[in-house]
């Protein structure tokens, strides 16, 4: 074989092999199931028991295309997680790396006899393998439970110096009972708010657990004041619809320690944010946070 022909041969061989070398090692992934069970948004890879950032919506096109090709092939099926347990299947329908505001997201369909997704009721999906299933408990509070938890929420608003008049008109985006450690005692995740003025809202996200004496207490809380000047739309009423609130996605024991971590979602104007909380020494702490850019507002 002549030298020029040999060179061409090797160059052709390398070109054919390049796509194979470009393929990343497939990592287990965890998705948020949003928009009434119609959309995947990536939260994290699972690497050796730890969460790690995925490809963001503001990444280079080639990175997003490769992510979509790896995880969003049509009919790719993932386990739906609801109440911390397997509850059905979420199947990819399509994805478009060139989409204006959803480059690393996918359109999906959900099949589940248990999970009724819609509005503020969301879920998780994953291909990660875990040793044990979660409790599967996810429900609305009983009237007595709601009364007790809302008394705690009002107490926290009072501690944050929110007026009694505002506290009287307590509102919620959601309040959900879970059982994160399979002890048959309900744990609550709540997102509450009050109108402190026509142009201001006070937001409270919390986790509540039953403690000594059979009474609940808040073991994690995040309080924020949102002013109309902080809102990109210029209208504080956007916040009333859920924008900027921290909302429950679901619970999932990704690290196999017997206690499910709590995953949350913060919808924004230009991006979404995700937080993951883990239980430690009788309270909860932030273990992971990420954000995913969509597009300019």
Protein backbone atom coordinates (compact mmCIF):
# COMPACT_ATOMS: atom_id res chain seq x y z
CA UNK A 1 0.00 0.00 0.00
CA UNK A 2 1.41 3.40 -0.97
CA UNK A 3 2.22 5.87 1.81
CA UNK A 4 -0.56 8.32 0.81
CA UNK A 5 -3.14 5.54 0.60
CA UNK A 6 -2.04 4.22 4.01
CA UNK A 7 -2.43 7.67 5.54
CA UNK A 8 -5.91 8.00 4.07
CA UNK A 9 -6.80 4.57 5.43
CA UNK A 10 -5.80 5.47 8.99
CA UNK A 11 -7.52 8.87 8.83
CA UNK A 12 -10.73 7.18 7.68
CA UNK A 13 -10.49 4.59 10.45
CA UNK A 14 -10.01 7.31 13.09
CA UNK A 15 -12.97 9.27 11.74
CA UNK A 16 -15.19 6.20 12.00
CA UNK A 17 -14.01 5.47 15.54
CA UNK A 18 -14.33 9.06 16.83
CA UNK A 19 -18.06 8.87 17.68
CA UNK A 20 -17.40 5.74 19.74
CA UNK A 21 -14.72 7.47 21.80
CA UNK A 22 -16.99 10.52 22.23
CA UNK A 23 -19.70 8.51 23.94
CA UNK A 24 -19.65 9.11 27.73
CA UNK A 25 -19.92 6.33 30.26
CA UNK A 26 -23.63 6.21 31.01
CA UNK A 27 -24.34 7.34 34.55
CA UNK A 28 -27.59 6.75 36.42
CA UNK A 29 -29.69 9.91 36.37
CA UNK A 30 -32.55 11.42 38.36
CA UNK A 31 -35.21 13.56 36.65
CA UNK A 32 -37.94 15.87 37.88
CA UNK A 33 -41.31 14.92 36.40
CA UNK A 34 -43.05 18.23 35.74
CA UNK A 35 -45.92 19.86 33.85
CA UNK A 36 -48.65 17.41 34.84
CA UNK A 37 -46.41 14.43 34.12
CA UNK A 38 -45.48 15.57 30.61
CA UNK A 39 -41.88 16.76 30.99
CA UNK A 40 -38.49 15.52 32.22
CA UNK A 41 -35.99 18.01 33.58
CA UNK A 42 -32.62 16.63 34.77
CA UNK A 43 -31.67 17.08 38.42
CA UNK A 44 -28.49 15.05 38.90
CA UNK A 45 -26.35 12.11 37.95
CA UNK A 46 -25.76 9.50 40.63
CA UNK A 47 -22.04 8.77 41.00
CA UNK A 48 -20.86 6.33 43.70
CA UNK A 49 -23.73 7.25 45.99
CA UNK A 50 -23.37 11.01 45.45
CA UNK A 51 -25.29 13.48 43.32
CA UNK A 52 -23.48 15.35 40.55
CA UNK A 53 -24.56 18.02 38.08
CA UNK A 54 -25.86 16.97 34.67
CA UNK A 55 -25.56 18.89 31.39
CA UNK A 56 -27.32 22.24 31.82
CA UNK A 57 -29.60 24.00 29.38
CA UNK A 58 -26.89 26.61 28.78
CA UNK A 59 -24.22 24.05 27.82
CA UNK A 60 -22.67 23.79 24.37
CA UNK A 61 -24.95 22.32 21.72
CA UNK A 62 -22.76 19.24 21.23
CA UNK A 63 -22.94 18.45 24.98
CA UNK A 64 -26.71 18.74 25.03
CA UNK A 65 -27.07 16.69 21.86
CA UNK A 66 -24.95 13.94 23.39
CA UNK A 67 -26.93 14.04 26.67
CA UNK A 68 -30.22 13.86 24.77
CA UNK A 69 -28.96 11.02 22.59
CA UNK A 70 -27.84 9.09 25.67
CA UNK A 71 -30.88 9.60 27.90
CA UNK A 72 -33.77 10.69 25.67
CA UNK A 73 -33.92 8.13 22.92
CA UNK A 74 -37.58 7.61 21.97
CA UNK A 75 -39.32 4.99 24.14
CA UNK A 76 -36.56 5.06 26.78
CA UNK A 77 -38.31 4.02 30.01
CA UNK A 78 -37.52 5.15 33.58
CA UNK A 79 -38.96 4.15 36.93
CA UNK A 80 -41.46 6.66 38.27
CA UNK A 81 -40.80 7.49 41.95
CA UNK A 82 -43.84 8.55 43.98
CA UNK A 83 -43.92 8.39 47.76
CA UNK A 84 -40.28 7.30 47.58
CA UNK A 85 -41.21 4.03 45.87
CA UNK A 86 -41.57 2.62 42.38
CA UNK A 87 -44.98 3.69 41.14
CA UNK A 88 -44.99 3.12 37.40
CA UNK A 89 -43.08 4.13 34.30
CA UNK A 90 -42.13 7.41 32.65
CA UNK A 91 -41.38 6.99 28.95
CA UNK A 92 -39.58 9.45 26.68
CA UNK A 93 -41.56 10.62 23.67
CA UNK A 94 -39.19 13.20 22.19
CA UNK A 95 -36.46 15.77 22.88
CA UNK A 96 -35.03 18.63 20.87
CA UNK A 97 -31.61 20.10 21.64
CA UNK A 98 -32.48 23.10 19.45
CA UNK A 99 -35.69 23.95 21.34
CA UNK A 100 -35.68 27.54 22.50
CA UNK A 101 -36.37 27.03 26.21
CA UNK A 102 -36.12 23.28 26.83
CA UNK A 103 -32.89 22.15 25.19
CA UNK A 104 -32.00 19.47 27.78
CA UNK A 105 -35.57 18.52 28.63
CA UNK A 106 -37.85 15.84 27.17
CA UNK A 107 -41.51 15.27 26.48
CA UNK A 108 -42.73 12.13 28.24
CA UNK A 109 -45.76 10.02 29.07
CA UNK A 110 -46.46 8.51 32.48
CA UNK A 111 -48.12 5.20 33.26
CA UNK A 112 -49.07 4.75 36.92
CA UNK A 113 -52.00 3.33 38.82
CA UNK A 114 -51.05 5.32 41.92
CA UNK A 115 -49.55 8.66 40.96
CA UNK A 116 -52.10 11.26 39.86
CA UNK A 117 -49.83 14.01 38.65
CA UNK A 118 -51.03 17.54 38.04
CA UNK A 119 -50.57 21.06 39.32
CA UNK A 120 -48.35 20.98 42.39
CA UNK A 121 -48.30 17.16 42.50
CA UNK A 122 -45.03 16.18 40.84
CA UNK A 123 -42.66 13.21 40.99
CA UNK A 124 -39.20 11.87 40.22
CA UNK A 125 -37.95 9.38 37.65
CA UNK A 126 -34.70 7.46 37.53
CA UNK A 127 -32.75 4.55 36.16
CA UNK A 128 -30.66 4.35 39.35
CA UNK A 129 -30.63 1.02 41.18
CA UNK A 130 -31.41 1.11 44.91
CA UNK A 131 -31.25 -1.64 47.52
CA UNK A 132 -34.63 -1.03 49.14
CA UNK A 133 -37.87 0.58 48.07
CA UNK A 134 -39.31 3.56 49.92
CA UNK A 135 -42.51 3.51 51.93
CA UNK A 136 -44.75 4.44 49.01
CA UNK A 137 -46.71 6.74 51.31
CA UNK A 138 -47.70 10.06 49.80
CA UNK A 139 -51.02 11.58 50.72
CA UNK A 140 -52.91 14.66 51.80
CA UNK A 141 -52.96 15.48 55.52
CA UNK A 142 -55.97 14.65 57.64
CA UNK A 143 -57.91 17.67 58.99
CA UNK A 144 -56.26 17.19 62.40
CA UNK A 145 -52.79 16.95 60.88
CA UNK A 146 -53.35 20.04 58.75
CA UNK A 147 -54.54 22.00 61.78
CA UNK A 148 -51.45 21.04 63.80
CA UNK A 149 -49.00 21.75 60.98
CA UNK A 150 -50.59 25.07 60.07
CA UNK A 151 -50.33 26.18 63.70
CA UNK A 152 -46.58 25.57 63.40
CA UNK A 153 -46.45 27.51 60.13
CA UNK A 154 -48.27 30.47 61.68
CA UNK A 155 -45.89 30.32 64.63
CA UNK A 156 -42.88 30.51 62.31
CA UNK A 157 -44.38 33.44 60.41
CA UNK A 158 -44.91 35.15 63.77
CA UNK A 159 -41.29 34.49 64.71
CA UNK A 160 -40.31 36.14 61.43
CA UNK A 161 -42.35 39.20 62.51
CA UNK A 162 -45.13 38.76 59.96
CA UNK A 163 -48.20 40.64 61.18
CA UNK A 164 -51.13 38.86 62.84
CA UNK A 165 -53.46 40.18 60.12
CA UNK A 166 -51.33 38.61 57.39
CA UNK A 167 -50.91 35.33 59.31
CA UNK A 168 -54.66 35.00 59.61
CA UNK A 169 -54.96 34.50 55.85
CA UNK A 170 -52.50 31.61 55.58
CA UNK A 171 -52.25 30.04 52.11
CA UNK A 172 -50.48 26.96 50.80
CA UNK A 173 -49.10 25.74 47.52
CA UNK A 174 -49.01 22.22 48.95
CA UNK A 175 -48.80 20.21 52.17
CA UNK A 176 -47.90 16.55 51.69
CA UNK A 177 -47.53 13.60 54.04
CA UNK A 178 -44.63 11.20 53.36
CA UNK A 179 -42.89 8.51 55.38
CA UNK A 180 -39.21 8.95 54.66
CA UNK A 181 -37.83 6.34 57.08
CA UNK A 182 -40.57 3.67 57.05
CA UNK A 183 -41.45 4.24 60.70
CA UNK A 184 -45.20 4.48 59.93
CA UNK A 185 -45.26 8.07 61.17
CA UNK A 186 -46.10 10.79 58.66
CA UNK A 187 -43.50 13.42 57.82
CA UNK A 188 -44.75 16.64 56.20
CA UNK A 189 -43.34 18.87 53.49
CA UNK A 190 -45.09 22.19 53.07
CA UNK A 191 -44.94 25.38 51.01
CA UNK A 192 -46.93 28.23 52.57
CA UNK A 193 -47.27 31.93 51.98
CA UNK A 194 -49.05 35.03 53.16
CA UNK A 195 -49.73 38.39 51.59
CA UNK A 196 -47.84 40.93 53.68
CA UNK A 197 -48.80 43.86 51.42
CA UNK A 198 -50.24 44.36 47.92
CA UNK A 199 -46.67 44.22 46.57
CA UNK A 200 -44.97 41.75 48.93
CA UNK A 201 -45.27 38.07 49.85
CA UNK A 202 -43.76 36.06 52.71
CA UNK A 203 -42.87 32.47 51.73
CA UNK A 204 -42.19 29.53 54.03
CA UNK A 205 -40.89 26.11 53.00
CA UNK A 206 -40.56 23.50 55.75
CA UNK A 207 -40.17 19.88 56.73
CA UNK A 208 -42.05 18.75 59.85
CA UNK A 209 -41.59 15.55 61.85
CA UNK A 210 -43.31 14.00 64.86
CA UNK A 211 -41.08 14.20 67.90
CA UNK A 212 -41.21 13.43 71.61
CA UNK A 213 -44.70 13.50 73.06
CA UNK A 214 -46.26 12.78 69.68
CA UNK A 215 -46.16 16.43 68.64
CA UNK A 216 -44.87 17.78 65.35
CA UNK A 217 -42.16 20.36 65.02
CA UNK A 218 -40.43 22.00 62.09
CA UNK A 219 -37.05 20.34 61.59
CA UNK A 220 -36.20 22.46 58.57
CA UNK A 221 -37.56 25.80 57.42
CA UNK A 222 -36.68 28.44 54.85
CA UNK A 223 -38.34 31.87 55.10
CA UNK A 224 -38.18 34.47 52.33
CA UNK A 225 -39.71 37.85 51.61
CA UNK A 226 -40.42 38.51 47.94
CA UNK A 227 -41.02 42.07 46.81
CA UNK A 228 -42.60 43.03 43.50
CA UNK A 229 -39.29 44.60 42.49
CA UNK A 230 -37.72 41.11 42.80
CA UNK A 231 -40.16 39.60 40.29
CA UNK A 232 -39.07 39.61 36.63
CA UNK A 233 -42.63 39.86 35.37
CA UNK A 234 -43.13 43.00 37.44
CA UNK A 235 -46.30 41.48 38.89
CA UNK A 236 -46.23 40.05 42.42
CA UNK A 237 -49.23 37.88 41.54
CA UNK A 238 -46.88 35.61 39.59
CA UNK A 239 -45.65 34.45 42.99
CA UNK A 240 -49.19 33.55 44.03
CA UNK A 241 -49.25 30.98 41.19
CA UNK A 242 -46.14 29.16 42.46
CA UNK A 243 -43.23 30.98 40.81
CA UNK A 244 -40.26 31.28 43.23
CA UNK A 245 -41.83 28.93 45.80
CA UNK A 246 -39.95 25.83 46.90
CA UNK A 247 -42.16 22.85 46.08
CA UNK A 248 -42.01 19.13 46.83
CA UNK A 249 -41.05 16.80 44.00
CA UNK A 250 -40.81 13.59 46.02
CA UNK A 251 -38.53 11.54 48.27
CA UNK A 252 -35.93 9.02 47.13
CA UNK A 253 -33.28 7.09 49.06
CA UNK A 254 -30.55 7.48 46.46
CA UNK A 255 -27.70 6.72 48.91
CA UNK A 256 -29.29 3.55 50.35
CA UNK A 257 -29.01 4.62 54.00
CA UNK A 258 -32.61 3.71 54.86
CA UNK A 259 -33.89 7.31 54.95
CA UNK A 260 -35.23 8.87 51.79
CA UNK A 261 -33.87 12.27 50.80
CA UNK A 262 -36.39 15.00 49.97
CA UNK A 263 -36.19 16.56 46.49
CA UNK A 264 -37.67 19.99 45.79
CA UNK A 265 -38.25 22.27 42.82
CA UNK A 266 -38.12 26.08 42.59
CA UNK A 267 -39.64 27.31 39.32
CA UNK A 268 -38.20 30.61 38.11
CA UNK A 269 -38.62 32.93 35.17
CA UNK A 270 -35.43 31.98 33.29
CA UNK A 271 -34.48 28.72 34.99
CA UNK A 272 -35.46 26.00 37.41
CA UNK A 273 -33.63 25.21 40.65
CA UNK A 274 -33.54 21.92 42.52
CA UNK A 275 -32.64 21.17 46.13
CA UNK A 276 -32.10 17.86 47.89
CA UNK A 277 -32.30 17.54 51.68
CA UNK A 278 -30.96 14.76 53.87
CA UNK A 279 -31.72 13.91 57.48
CA UNK A 280 -28.85 14.35 59.94
CA UNK A 281 -28.89 14.33 63.76
CA UNK A 282 -32.62 14.90 64.10
CA UNK A 283 -32.93 17.69 61.55
CA UNK A 284 -32.60 18.25 57.81
CA UNK A 285 -29.82 19.92 55.86
CA UNK A 286 -29.28 20.89 52.26
CA UNK A 287 -27.20 18.15 50.61
CA UNK A 288 -27.31 19.18 46.95
CA UNK A 289 -28.50 22.10 44.85
CA UNK A 290 -28.51 22.78 41.14
CA UNK A 291 -30.11 25.06 38.59
CA UNK A 292 -31.04 24.58 34.95
CA UNK A 293 -31.17 27.56 32.59
CA UNK A 294 -34.10 27.66 30.15
CA UNK A 295 -34.00 30.95 28.25
CA UNK A 296 -34.03 34.72 28.74
CA UNK A 297 -37.23 36.22 30.08
